[in-house]
Amino acid sequence: MLRRLAWSVAVLATGLALVSPAAPATARPGRGPVLTVPRPLLRGAVRCNPLANRHNPRRTLLLVHGTAATPEEAWGWGYERQLTADGYGWCDVRLPDRALGDFVTASQYAVFAARKAYRRSGRKVALVGHSQGGAMVLWIAKFWPDVARHASDVIALAGPLHGTTVANALCAAGTCATVAWQLRQGSLTTDALSNAPVPRGPKITSIATSMDELITPQPYAGQGNGVHSVLVQDVCPGHVVEHGLLLGDRVGYALVRDAVDRRGAAQARRVDRSVCNGQTLPQADLVGAAGFASTVANFLTGLADPLTWVDHEPALPAYAARYAR
């Protein structure tokens, strides 16, 4: 009886160690920090279209959504339809809790998804993230060496690479959501993102709009060391598009394709000015785009829920803490 009880306790302790968010993340040479999120959760968060395969000559893109979104709300109505029509493979990843939780934990999902996209396509992939996802794709390329080796491009679409003053305002009273603490300008997280070495290999592009109401101020918020920054207004002066609508914007998409298909980071001068004659992607499902309203609602309610607020930014894991102030 005692032997059976001891065995049960050992099994329980092992299970708790596997799911504990506080489990230490040691680094493996050439691959970076060990992922501590259970693999079934990571596997269930990734999906790919049939064109993400070794026989497709076009590149596969990994799409990482932003705060309060889902892959369907962010990418399903625009980018995924357009990429499929243009012959590209794509994979997307569903970040936990609509990316309203801890940025560092959520980044493990993006790491797993990047590795899966690379294995499926058999060649380097382009990492594309919107909003918080834009900061996340740069984060995983900086801290996981194999992700950087297997990436052709790191593309932030309206990404807070320097944080955003909107998050500073949310935390001004001394308590706010964890992710708001982390995406403030001057936070430990954004300091580590800025100060960590730029990975060799992938081209890094930040695509933004001067009319962004959430990632502020522009263009500073989207800039960074080793990052080529471009505004959609550099292609089409006076082009009207805000933060969320950049997900279906024809000019932004043209810049993404310029980065993916050509040498170097995206260049405004190389984009055909005919894109200025249209607003949304040709394949965009404008009815489906209404689903983005759920992202907006969850953004407002998720960040405004005082039950989720904390009074400080979480400590960074050791792999990143050395680069924070």
C-alpha atoms as a PDB file:
ATOM      1  CA  MET A   1       0.000   0.000   0.000  1.00  0.00           C
ATOM      2  CA  LEU A   2       2.768   2.446   0.913  1.00  0.00           C
ATOM      3  CA  ARG A   3       4.669   1.542  -2.238  1.00  0.00           C
ATOM      4  CA  ARG A   4       1.582   2.230  -4.366  1.00  0.00           C
ATOM      5  CA  LEU A   5       0.999   5.570  -2.614  1.00  0.00           C
ATOM      6  CA  ALA A   6       4.627   6.612  -3.176  1.00  0.00           C
ATOM      7  CA  TRP A   7       4.307   5.727  -6.858  1.00  0.00           C
ATOM      8  CA  SER A   8       1.142   7.860  -7.187  1.00  0.00           C
ATOM      9  CA  VAL A   9       2.815  10.839  -5.526  1.00  0.00           C
ATOM     10  CA  ALA A  10       5.799  10.527  -7.868  1.00  0.00           C
ATOM     11  CA  VAL A  11       3.564  10.452 -10.944  1.00  0.00           C
ATOM     12  CA  LEU A  12       1.609  13.483  -9.690  1.00  0.00           C
ATOM     13  CA  ALA A  13       4.805  15.431  -9.004  1.00  0.00           C
ATOM     14  CA  THR A  14       6.102  14.654 -12.486  1.00  0.00           C
ATOM     15  CA  GLY A  15       2.846  15.872 -14.042  1.00  0.00           C
ATOM     16  CA  LEU A  16       2.936  19.096 -12.066  1.00  0.00           C
ATOM     17  CA  ALA A  17       6.505  19.721 -13.126  1.00  0.00           C
ATOM     18  CA  LEU A  18       5.502  19.364 -16.773  1.00  0.00           C
ATOM     19  CA  VAL A  19       2.732  21.948 -16.626  1.00  0.00           C
ATOM     20  CA  SER A  20       4.154  24.395 -14.117  1.00  0.00           C
ATOM     21  CA  PRO A  21       4.719  27.833 -15.669  1.00  0.00           C
ATOM     22  CA  ALA A  22       7.532  28.359 -13.193  1.00  0.00           C
ATOM     23  CA  ALA A  23       9.557  25.421 -14.523  1.00  0.00           C
ATOM     24  CA  PRO A  24      13.099  26.575 -15.346  1.00  0.00           C
ATOM     25  CA  ALA A  25      13.965  27.042 -19.021  1.00  0.00           C
ATOM     26  CA  THR A  26      17.523  25.918 -19.580  1.00  0.00           C
ATOM     27  CA  ALA A  27      19.143  26.538 -22.958  1.00  0.00           C
ATOM     28  CA  ARG A  28      20.242  23.918 -25.452  1.00  0.00           C
ATOM     29  CA  PRO A  29      23.209  24.708 -27.718  1.00  0.00           C
ATOM     30  CA  GLY A  30      22.059  25.930 -31.108  1.00  0.00           C
ATOM     31  CA  ARG A  31      18.379  25.876 -30.170  1.00  0.00           C
ATOM     32  CA  GLY A  32      17.931  28.252 -27.262  1.00  0.00           C
ATOM     33  CA  PRO A  33      15.707  27.961 -24.169  1.00  0.00           C
ATOM     34  CA  VAL A  34      13.830  24.714 -23.656  1.00  0.00           C
ATOM     35  CA  LEU A  35      10.070  25.102 -24.140  1.00  0.00           C
ATOM     36  CA  THR A  36       8.210  24.476 -20.891  1.00  0.00           C
ATOM     37  CA  VAL A  37       4.640  24.628 -22.230  1.00  0.00           C
ATOM     38  CA  PRO A  38       3.323  21.042 -22.641  1.00  0.00           C
ATOM     39  CA  ARG A  39       3.735  19.828 -26.221  1.00  0.00           C
ATOM     40  CA  PRO A  40       0.069  18.865 -26.729  1.00  0.00           C
ATOM     41  CA  LEU A  41      -0.882  22.515 -26.148  1.00  0.00           C
ATOM     42  CA  LEU A  42       1.794  23.700 -28.577  1.00  0.00           C
ATOM     43  CA  ARG A  43       0.822  21.183 -31.272  1.00  0.00           C
ATOM     44  CA  GLY A  44      -2.853  22.057 -30.999  1.00  0.00           C
ATOM     45  CA  ALA A  45      -2.174  25.763 -31.522  1.00  0.00           C
ATOM     46  CA  VAL A  46      -0.717  25.504 -35.046  1.00  0.00           C
ATOM     47  CA  ARG A  47      -2.435  25.012 -38.372  1.00  0.00           C
ATOM     48  CA  CYS A  48      -1.084  25.220 -41.938  1.00  0.00           C
ATOM     49  CA  ASN A  49      -2.611  25.384 -45.401  1.00  0.00           C
ATOM     50  CA  PRO A  50      -1.902  22.619 -47.950  1.00  0.00           C
ATOM     51  CA  LEU A  51       0.576  24.842 -49.818  1.00  0.00           C
ATOM     52  CA  ALA A  52       2.954  24.742 -46.848  1.00  0.00           C
ATOM     53  CA  ASN A  53       4.865  21.762 -48.227  1.00  0.00           C
ATOM     54  CA  ARG A  54       8.248  20.796 -49.653  1.00  0.00           C
ATOM     55  CA  HIS A  55       7.030  20.819 -53.266  1.00  0.00           C
ATOM     56  CA  ASN A  56       5.894  24.442 -53.298  1.00  0.00           C
ATOM     57  CA  PRO A  57       8.560  26.744 -54.781  1.00  0.00           C
ATOM     58  CA  ARG A  58       7.026  29.722 -52.996  1.00  0.00           C
ATOM     59  CA  ARG A  59       7.956  30.505 -49.424  1.00  0.00           C
ATOM     60  CA  THR A  60       5.818  29.598 -46.418  1.00  0.00           C
ATOM     61  CA  LEU A  61       4.881  32.395 -44.004  1.00  0.00           C
ATOM     62  CA  LEU A  62       4.209  31.995 -40.290  1.00  0.00           C
ATOM     63  CA  LEU A  63       1.482  34.402 -39.171  1.00  0.00           C
ATOM     64  CA  VAL A  64       1.409  35.508 -35.515  1.00  0.00           C
ATOM     65  CA  HIS A  65      -1.610  37.510 -34.345  1.00  0.00           C
ATOM     66  CA  GLY A  66      -1.727  40.369 -31.870  1.00  0.00           C
ATOM     67  CA  THR A  67      -3.306  41.218 -28.522  1.00  0.00           C
ATOM     68  CA  ALA A  68      -6.905  40.057 -27.996  1.00  0.00           C
ATOM     69  CA  ALA A  69      -7.089  38.427 -31.433  1.00  0.00           C
ATOM     70  CA  THR A  70      -7.345  34.906 -32.818  1.00  0.00           C
ATOM     71  CA  PRO A  71      -5.815  33.627 -36.077  1.00  0.00           C
ATOM     72  CA  GLU A  72      -9.235  33.706 -37.730  1.00  0.00           C
ATOM     73  CA  GLU A  73      -9.994  37.270 -36.674  1.00  0.00           C
ATOM     74  CA  ALA A  74      -6.563  38.597 -37.595  1.00  0.00           C
ATOM     75  CA  TRP A  75      -5.581  36.611 -40.684  1.00  0.00           C
ATOM     76  CA  GLY A  76      -8.466  34.441 -41.849  1.00  0.00           C
ATOM     77  CA  TRP A  77     -10.428  37.049 -43.760  1.00  0.00           C
ATOM     78  CA  GLY A  78      -7.491  38.762 -45.495  1.00  0.00           C
ATOM     79  CA  TYR A  79      -3.904  37.530 -45.494  1.00  0.00           C
ATOM     80  CA  GLU A  80      -4.634  33.817 -45.509  1.00  0.00           C
ATOM     81  CA  ARG A  81      -7.065  34.112 -48.396  1.00  0.00           C
ATOM     82  CA  GLN A  82      -4.692  36.344 -50.367  1.00  0.00           C
ATOM     83  CA  LEU A  83      -1.583  34.253 -49.672  1.00  0.00           C
ATOM     84  CA  THR A  84      -3.388  31.089 -50.765  1.00  0.00           C
ATOM     85  CA  ALA A  85      -4.583  32.774 -53.959  1.00  0.00           C
ATOM     86  CA  ASP A  86      -1.028  33.948 -54.652  1.00  0.00           C
ATOM     87  CA  GLY A  87       0.372  30.446 -54.177  1.00  0.00           C
ATOM     88  CA  TYR A  88       2.092  30.818 -50.794  1.00  0.00           C
ATOM     89  CA  GLY A  89       2.111  28.352 -47.975  1.00  0.00           C
ATOM     90  CA  TRP A  90       1.166  29.675 -44.562  1.00  0.00           C
ATOM     91  CA  CYS A  91       0.919  28.497 -40.987  1.00  0.00           C
ATOM     92  CA  ASP A  92      -0.659  30.405 -38.131  1.00  0.00           C
ATOM     93  CA  VAL A  93      -0.512  30.034 -34.376  1.00  0.00           C
ATOM     94  CA  ARG A  94      -3.185  30.540 -31.748  1.00  0.00           C
ATOM     95  CA  LEU A  95      -1.570  32.320 -28.794  1.00  0.00           C
ATOM     96  CA  PRO A  96      -3.046  31.427 -25.378  1.00  0.00           C
ATOM     97  CA  ASP A  97      -5.780  33.591 -23.849  1.00  0.00           C
ATOM     98  CA  ARG A  98      -6.018  35.696 -27.016  1.00  0.00           C
ATOM     99  CA  ALA A  99      -2.487  36.968 -26.295  1.00  0.00           C
ATOM    100  CA  LEU A 100      -3.839  38.823 -23.266  1.00  0.00           C
ATOM    101  CA  GLY A 101      -1.554  36.981 -20.867  1.00  0.00           C
ATOM    102  CA  ASP A 102       2.198  36.754 -20.402  1.00  0.00           C
ATOM    103  CA  PHE A 103       4.136  37.725 -23.540  1.00  0.00           C
ATOM    104  CA  VAL A 104       7.145  35.550 -22.686  1.00  0.00           C
ATOM    105  CA  THR A 105       5.075  32.393 -22.184  1.00  0.00           C
ATOM    106  CA  ALA A 106       3.079  33.038 -25.361  1.00  0.00           C
ATOM    107  CA  SER A 107       6.322  33.361 -27.328  1.00  0.00           C
ATOM    108  CA  GLN A 108       6.923  29.625 -26.816  1.00  0.00           C
ATOM    109  CA  TYR A 109       3.879  28.924 -28.986  1.00  0.00           C
ATOM    110  CA  ALA A 110       5.388  31.038 -31.758  1.00  0.00           C
ATOM    111  CA  VAL A 111       8.721  29.192 -31.457  1.00  0.00           C
ATOM    112  CA  PHE A 112       7.012  25.813 -31.829  1.00  0.00           C
ATOM    113  CA  ALA A 113       4.977  27.100 -34.793  1.00  0.00           C
ATOM    114  CA  ALA A 114       8.085  28.474 -36.539  1.00  0.00           C
ATOM    115  CA  ARG A 115       9.790  25.102 -36.206  1.00  0.00           C
ATOM    116  CA  LYS A 116       6.753  23.290 -37.559  1.00  0.00           C
ATOM    117  CA  ALA A 117       6.462  25.658 -40.536  1.00  0.00           C
ATOM    118  CA  TYR A 118      10.125  25.046 -41.339  1.00  0.00           C
ATOM    119  CA  ARG A 119       9.756  21.256 -41.134  1.00  0.00           C
ATOM    120  CA  ARG A 120       6.674  21.262 -43.351  1.00  0.00           C
ATOM    121  CA  SER A 121       8.102  23.527 -46.021  1.00  0.00           C
ATOM    122  CA  GLY A 122      11.646  22.188 -45.946  1.00  0.00           C
ATOM    123  CA  ARG A 123      13.082  25.650 -46.444  1.00  0.00           C
ATOM    124  CA  LYS A 124      13.454  28.948 -44.627  1.00  0.00           C
ATOM    125  CA  VAL A 125      10.169  30.582 -43.622  1.00  0.00           C
ATOM    126  CA  ALA A 126       9.116  34.208 -43.283  1.00  0.00           C
ATOM    127  CA  LEU A 127       7.947  35.180 -39.790  1.00  0.00           C
ATOM    128  CA  VAL A 128       5.171  37.786 -39.942  1.00  0.00           C
ATOM    129  CA  GLY A 129       3.496  39.227 -36.860  1.00  0.00           C
ATOM    130  CA  HIS A 130       0.864  41.900 -36.357  1.00  0.00           C
ATOM    131  CA  SER A 131       0.847  44.229 -33.341  1.00  0.00           C
ATOM    132  CA  GLN A 132       2.086  42.232 -30.310  1.00  0.00           C
ATOM    133  CA  GLY A 133       2.864  39.451 -32.795  1.00  0.00           C
ATOM    134  CA  GLY A 134       5.272  41.820 -34.555  1.00  0.00           C
ATOM    135  CA  ALA A 135       7.336  42.174 -31.395  1.00  0.00           C
ATOM    136  CA  MET A 136       7.042  38.434 -30.802  1.00  0.00           C
ATOM    137  CA  VAL A 137       8.516  37.318 -34.129  1.00  0.00           C
ATOM    138  CA  LEU A 138      11.580  39.484 -33.461  1.00  0.00           C
ATOM    139  CA  TRP A 139      11.770  38.127 -29.894  1.00  0.00           C
ATOM    140  CA  ILE A 140      11.847  34.483 -31.002  1.00  0.00           C
ATOM    141  CA  ALA A 141      14.382  35.203 -33.743  1.00  0.00           C
ATOM    142  CA  LYS A 142      16.676  36.879 -31.212  1.00  0.00           C
ATOM    143  CA  PHE A 143      16.476  34.278 -28.460  1.00  0.00           C
ATOM    144  CA  TRP A 144      16.075  30.962 -30.341  1.00  0.00           C
ATOM    145  CA  PRO A 145      19.060  30.509 -32.700  1.00  0.00           C
ATOM    146  CA  ASP A 146      17.472  27.736 -34.767  1.00  0.00           C
ATOM    147  CA  VAL A 147      14.415  29.921 -35.425  1.00  0.00           C
ATOM    148  CA  ALA A 148      16.700  32.652 -36.781  1.00  0.00           C
ATOM    149  CA  ARG A 149      18.705  30.162 -38.885  1.00  0.00           C
ATOM    150  CA  HIS A 150      15.535  28.847 -40.472  1.00  0.00           C
ATOM    151  CA  ALA A 151      13.953  32.257 -41.142  1.00  0.00           C
ATOM    152  CA  SER A 152      14.391  34.221 -44.357  1.00  0.00           C
ATOM    153  CA  ASP A 153      12.548  37.255 -43.002  1.00  0.00           C
ATOM    154  CA  VAL A 154      11.269  38.698 -39.759  1.00  0.00           C
ATOM    155  CA  ILE A 155       8.439  41.117 -40.539  1.00  0.00           C
ATOM    156  CA  ALA A 156       6.657  43.211 -37.924  1.00  0.00           C
ATOM    157  CA  LEU A 157       3.351  44.638 -39.104  1.00  0.00           C
ATOM    158  CA  ALA A 158       2.456  47.528 -36.774  1.00  0.00           C
ATOM    159  CA  GLY A 159       4.735  45.933 -34.183  1.00  0.00           C
ATOM    160  CA  PRO A 160       5.677  47.681 -30.895  1.00  0.00           C
ATOM    161  CA  LEU A 161       9.403  47.002 -31.203  1.00  0.00           C
ATOM    162  CA  HIS A 162      10.084  49.871 -28.805  1.00  0.00           C
ATOM    163  CA  GLY A 163       6.865  49.321 -26.894  1.00  0.00           C
ATOM    164  CA  THR A 164       3.919  51.699 -27.042  1.00  0.00           C
ATOM    165  CA  THR A 165       2.957  54.705 -24.945  1.00  0.00           C
ATOM    166  CA  VAL A 166      -0.618  53.395 -24.960  1.00  0.00           C
ATOM    167  CA  ALA A 167       0.566  50.639 -22.600  1.00  0.00           C
ATOM    168  CA  ASN A 168       2.346  53.245 -20.459  1.00  0.00           C
ATOM    169  CA  ALA A 169      -0.961  55.076 -20.108  1.00  0.00           C
ATOM    170  CA  LEU A 170      -2.790  51.868 -19.163  1.00  0.00           C
ATOM    171  CA  CYS A 171      -0.276  51.257 -16.363  1.00  0.00           C
ATOM    172  CA  ALA A 172       0.005  54.872 -15.191  1.00  0.00           C
ATOM    173  CA  ALA A 173      -1.986  54.185 -12.002  1.00  0.00           C
ATOM    174  CA  GLY A 174       0.450  51.439 -10.978  1.00  0.00           C
ATOM    175  CA  THR A 175      -1.683  48.418 -11.853  1.00  0.00           C
ATOM    176  CA  CYS A 176      -2.626  46.922 -15.220  1.00  0.00           C
ATOM    177  CA  ALA A 177      -2.642  43.702 -17.240  1.00  0.00           C
ATOM    178  CA  THR A 178       0.609  41.751 -17.422  1.00  0.00           C
ATOM    179  CA  VAL A 179       0.972  42.213 -21.172  1.00  0.00           C
ATOM    180  CA  ALA A 180       0.468  45.963 -20.796  1.00  0.00           C
ATOM    181  CA  TRP A 181       3.367  46.103 -18.323  1.00  0.00           C
ATOM    182  CA  GLN A 182       5.495  44.151 -20.778  1.00  0.00           C
ATOM    183  CA  LEU A 183       4.710  46.258 -23.861  1.00  0.00           C
ATOM    184  CA  ARG A 184       5.300  49.632 -22.223  1.00  0.00           C
ATOM    185  CA  GLN A 185       8.081  51.780 -23.566  1.00  0.00           C
ATOM    186  CA  GLY A 186      10.978  51.317 -21.153  1.00  0.00           C
ATOM    187  CA  SER A 187       9.753  48.005 -19.764  1.00  0.00           C
ATOM    188  CA  LEU A 188      12.129  45.142 -18.988  1.00  0.00           C
ATOM    189  CA  THR A 189      10.634  43.195 -21.875  1.00  0.00           C
ATOM    190  CA  THR A 190      11.001  45.901 -24.501  1.00  0.00           C
ATOM    191  CA  ASP A 191      14.488  46.727 -23.192  1.00  0.00           C
ATOM    192  CA  ALA A 192      15.529  43.097 -23.646  1.00  0.00           C
ATOM    193  CA  LEU A 193      13.970  43.027 -27.111  1.00  0.00           C
ATOM    194  CA  SER A 194      15.864  46.175 -28.094  1.00  0.00           C
ATOM    195  CA  ASN A 195      19.207  45.249 -26.545  1.00  0.00           C
ATOM    196  CA  ALA A 196      19.551  41.584 -27.454  1.00  0.00           C
ATOM    197  CA  PRO A 197      21.891  40.991 -30.416  1.00  0.00           C
ATOM    198  CA  VAL A 198      20.422  41.156 -33.898  1.00  0.00           C
ATOM    199  CA  PRO A 199      20.420  37.625 -35.348  1.00  0.00           C
ATOM    200  CA  ARG A 200      22.515  36.920 -38.413  1.00  0.00           C
ATOM    201  CA  GLY A 201      20.691  35.726 -41.465  1.00  0.00           C
ATOM    202  CA  PRO A 202      17.073  36.875 -41.598  1.00  0.00           C
ATOM    203  CA  LYS A 203      16.138  40.241 -43.054  1.00  0.00           C
ATOM    204  CA  ILE A 204      14.205  42.299 -40.519  1.00  0.00           C
ATOM    205  CA  THR A 205      11.478  44.666 -41.698  1.00  0.00           C
ATOM    206  CA  SER A 206       9.060  46.804 -39.700  1.00  0.00           C
ATOM    207  CA  ILE A 207       5.995  47.931 -41.661  1.00  0.00           C
ATOM    208  CA  ALA A 208       3.837  50.562 -39.987  1.00  0.00           C
ATOM    209  CA  THR A 209       1.326  53.316 -40.614  1.00  0.00           C
ATOM    210  CA  SER A 210       1.730  56.892 -39.450  1.00  0.00           C
ATOM    211  CA  MET A 211      -1.969  56.783 -38.479  1.00  0.00           C
ATOM    212  CA  ASP A 212      -1.591  53.981 -35.928  1.00  0.00           C
ATOM    213  CA  GLU A 213      -3.624  54.799 -32.825  1.00  0.00           C
ATOM    214  CA  LEU A 214      -2.356  51.894 -30.682  1.00  0.00           C
ATOM    215  CA  ILE A 215       1.375  51.603 -31.390  1.00  0.00           C
ATOM    216  CA  THR A 216       2.648  55.079 -30.573  1.00  0.00           C
ATOM    217  CA  PRO A 217       4.509  57.236 -31.273  1.00  0.00           C
ATOM    218  CA  GLN A 218       5.192  56.500 -34.911  1.00  0.00           C
ATOM    219  CA  PRO A 219       7.601  55.911 -36.491  1.00  0.00           C
ATOM    220  CA  TYR A 220       9.739  55.451 -33.341  1.00  0.00           C
ATOM    221  CA  ALA A 221       7.613  52.659 -31.851  1.00  0.00           C
ATOM    222  CA  GLY A 222       8.286  50.435 -34.852  1.00  0.00           C
ATOM    223  CA  GLN A 223      12.001  51.083 -35.141  1.00  0.00           C
ATOM    224  CA  GLY A 224      14.929  49.103 -33.763  1.00  0.00           C
ATOM    225  CA  ASN A 225      18.579  48.273 -34.117  1.00  0.00           C
ATOM    226  CA  GLY A 226      19.122  46.249 -37.280  1.00  0.00           C
ATOM    227  CA  VAL A 227      15.516  46.783 -38.345  1.00  0.00           C
ATOM    228  CA  HIS A 228      14.590  48.394 -41.658  1.00  0.00           C
ATOM    229  CA  SER A 229      11.485  50.497 -40.983  1.00  0.00           C
ATOM    230  CA  VAL A 230       9.041  51.608 -43.651  1.00  0.00           C
ATOM    231  CA  LEU A 231       5.658  53.320 -43.503  1.00  0.00           C
ATOM    232  CA  VAL A 232       2.870  52.510 -45.938  1.00  0.00           C
ATOM    233  CA  GLN A 233       2.740  56.274 -46.498  1.00  0.00           C
ATOM    234  CA  ASP A 234       6.286  56.039 -47.932  1.00  0.00           C
ATOM    235  CA  VAL A 235       4.709  54.112 -50.803  1.00  0.00           C
ATOM    236  CA  CYS A 236       1.453  56.031 -51.045  1.00  0.00           C
ATOM    237  CA  PRO A 237       1.601  59.499 -49.403  1.00  0.00           C
ATOM    238  CA  GLY A 238      -1.631  60.280 -47.569  1.00  0.00           C
ATOM    239  CA  HIS A 239      -2.698  56.630 -47.555  1.00  0.00           C
ATOM    240  CA  VAL A 240      -5.373  56.228 -44.863  1.00  0.00           C
ATOM    241  CA  VAL A 241      -5.119  53.088 -42.772  1.00  0.00           C
ATOM    242  CA  GLU A 242      -5.041  52.566 -39.008  1.00  0.00           C
ATOM    243  CA  HIS A 243      -3.758  49.767 -36.768  1.00  0.00           C
ATOM    244  CA  GLY A 244      -6.366  47.055 -37.287  1.00  0.00           C
ATOM    245  CA  LEU A 245      -7.130  47.780 -40.938  1.00  0.00           C
ATOM    246  CA  LEU A 246      -3.472  47.215 -41.773  1.00  0.00           C
ATOM    247  CA  LEU A 247      -4.393  43.511 -41.667  1.00  0.00           C
ATOM    248  CA  GLY A 248      -6.332  43.877 -44.903  1.00  0.00           C
ATOM    249  CA  ASP A 249      -4.372  46.717 -46.460  1.00  0.00           C
ATOM    250  CA  ARG A 250      -3.139  46.322 -50.024  1.00  0.00           C
ATOM    251  CA  VAL A 251      -0.084  48.538 -49.546  1.00  0.00           C
ATOM    252  CA  GLY A 252       1.070  46.770 -46.397  1.00  0.00           C
ATOM    253  CA  TYR A 253       0.675  43.405 -48.123  1.00  0.00           C
ATOM    254  CA  ALA A 254       2.710  44.624 -51.102  1.00  0.00           C
ATOM    255  CA  LEU A 255       5.532  45.559 -48.724  1.00  0.00           C
ATOM    256  CA  VAL A 256       5.357  42.127 -47.066  1.00  0.00           C
ATOM    257  CA  ARG A 257       5.644  40.450 -50.455  1.00  0.00           C
ATOM    258  CA  ASP A 258       8.511  42.722 -51.443  1.00  0.00           C
ATOM    259  CA  ALA A 259      10.416  41.614 -48.355  1.00  0.00           C
ATOM    260  CA  VAL A 260       9.605  37.924 -48.842  1.00  0.00           C
ATOM    261  CA  ASP A 261      10.245  37.721 -52.596  1.00  0.00           C
ATOM    262  CA  ARG A 262      13.235  40.003 -53.079  1.00  0.00           C
ATOM    263  CA  ARG A 263      16.712  40.573 -51.723  1.00  0.00           C
ATOM    264  CA  GLY A 264      16.990  42.624 -48.562  1.00  0.00           C
ATOM    265  CA  ALA A 265      14.277  44.099 -46.407  1.00  0.00           C
ATOM    266  CA  ALA A 266      11.148  45.686 -47.902  1.00  0.00           C
ATOM    267  CA  GLN A 267      11.814  48.836 -49.918  1.00  0.00           C
ATOM    268  CA  ALA A 268       9.108  51.412 -50.640  1.00  0.00           C
ATOM    269  CA  ARG A 269      10.764  52.375 -53.941  1.00  0.00           C
ATOM    270  CA  ARG A 270      10.365  48.839 -55.319  1.00  0.00           C
ATOM    271  CA  VAL A 271       6.587  48.642 -54.773  1.00  0.00           C
ATOM    272  CA  ASP A 272       4.423  49.268 -57.833  1.00  0.00           C
ATOM    273  CA  ARG A 273       2.463  52.467 -57.203  1.00  0.00           C
ATOM    274  CA  SER A 274      -0.640  50.886 -58.700  1.00  0.00           C
ATOM    275  CA  VAL A 275      -1.348  49.501 -55.205  1.00  0.00           C
ATOM    276  CA  CYS A 276      -2.231  53.062 -54.213  1.00  0.00           C
ATOM    277  CA  ASN A 277      -5.379  52.781 -56.341  1.00  0.00           C
ATOM    278  CA  GLY A 278      -6.963  50.228 -54.019  1.00  0.00           C
ATOM    279  CA  GLN A 279      -7.516  49.896 -50.300  1.00  0.00           C
ATOM    280  CA  THR A 280      -8.186  46.273 -49.348  1.00  0.00           C
ATOM    281  CA  LEU A 281      -6.689  43.010 -50.532  1.00  0.00           C
ATOM    282  CA  PRO A 282      -8.387  41.671 -53.683  1.00  0.00           C
ATOM    283  CA  GLN A 283      -9.213  38.352 -51.987  1.00  0.00           C
ATOM    284  CA  ALA A 284     -10.361  39.891 -48.690  1.00  0.00           C
ATOM    285  CA  ASP A 285     -13.662  38.670 -47.305  1.00  0.00           C
ATOM    286  CA  LEU A 286     -15.172  41.923 -46.116  1.00  0.00           C
ATOM    287  CA  VAL A 287     -18.059  40.123 -44.440  1.00  0.00           C
ATOM    288  CA  GLY A 288     -15.591  37.941 -42.567  1.00  0.00           C
ATOM    289  CA  ALA A 289     -13.618  41.038 -41.635  1.00  0.00           C
ATOM    290  CA  ALA A 290     -16.473  41.960 -39.320  1.00  0.00           C
ATOM    291  CA  GLY A 291     -15.117  39.245 -37.032  1.00  0.00           C
ATOM    292  CA  PHE A 292     -12.316  41.630 -36.124  1.00  0.00           C
ATOM    293  CA  ALA A 293     -14.914  43.464 -34.047  1.00  0.00           C
ATOM    294  CA  SER A 294     -14.568  40.606 -31.568  1.00  0.00           C
ATOM    295  CA  THR A 295     -10.852  41.381 -31.298  1.00  0.00           C
ATOM    296  CA  VAL A 296     -11.642  44.998 -30.503  1.00  0.00           C
ATOM    297  CA  ALA A 297     -14.221  43.980 -27.891  1.00  0.00           C
ATOM    298  CA  ASN A 298     -11.851  41.525 -26.242  1.00  0.00           C
ATOM    299  CA  PHE A 299      -9.059  44.093 -26.312  1.00  0.00           C
ATOM    300  CA  LEU A 300     -11.217  46.557 -24.400  1.00  0.00           C
ATOM    301  CA  THR A 301     -12.698  44.070 -21.932  1.00  0.00           C
ATOM    302  CA  GLY A 302      -9.541  41.976 -21.529  1.00  0.00           C
ATOM    303  CA  LEU A 303      -7.233  44.844 -20.678  1.00  0.00           C
ATOM    304  CA  ALA A 304      -9.878  46.652 -18.660  1.00  0.00           C
ATOM    305  CA  ASP A 305     -10.701  43.747 -16.347  1.00  0.00           C
ATOM    306  CA  PRO A 306      -9.243  44.688 -12.926  1.00  0.00           C
ATOM    307  CA  LEU A 307      -9.318  41.025 -11.882  1.00  0.00           C
ATOM    308  CA  THR A 308      -6.400  40.434 -14.277  1.00  0.00           C
ATOM    309  CA  TRP A 309      -4.336  43.441 -13.209  1.00  0.00           C
ATOM    310  CA  VAL A 310      -1.005  43.163 -11.414  1.00  0.00           C
ATOM    311  CA  ASP A 311       1.139  45.843  -9.789  1.00  0.00           C
ATOM    312  CA  HIS A 312       4.453  45.069 -11.491  1.00  0.00           C
ATOM    313  CA  GLU A 313       6.010  43.575 -14.593  1.00  0.00           C
ATOM    314  CA  PRO A 314       6.925  39.892 -14.204  1.00  0.00           C
ATOM    315  CA  ALA A 315      10.609  39.060 -13.931  1.00  0.00           C
ATOM    316  CA  LEU A 316      12.201  38.005 -17.177  1.00  0.00           C
ATOM    317  CA  PRO A 317      13.658  34.516 -17.638  1.00  0.00           C
ATOM    318  CA  ALA A 318      17.436  34.337 -17.405  1.00  0.00           C
ATOM    319  CA  TYR A 319      17.939  34.145 -21.161  1.00  0.00           C
ATOM    320  CA  ALA A 320      16.434  37.619 -21.599  1.00  0.00           C
ATOM    321  CA  ALA A 321      17.089  39.286 -18.210  1.00  0.00           C
ATOM    322  CA  ARG A 322      20.740  39.909 -19.038  1.00  0.00           C
ATOM    323  CA  TYR A 323      19.680  42.342 -21.767  1.00  0.00           C
ATOM    324  CA  ALA A 324      17.221  44.368 -19.654  1.00  0.00           C
ATOM    325  CA  ARG A 325      18.281  47.548 -17.921  1.00  0.00           C
END
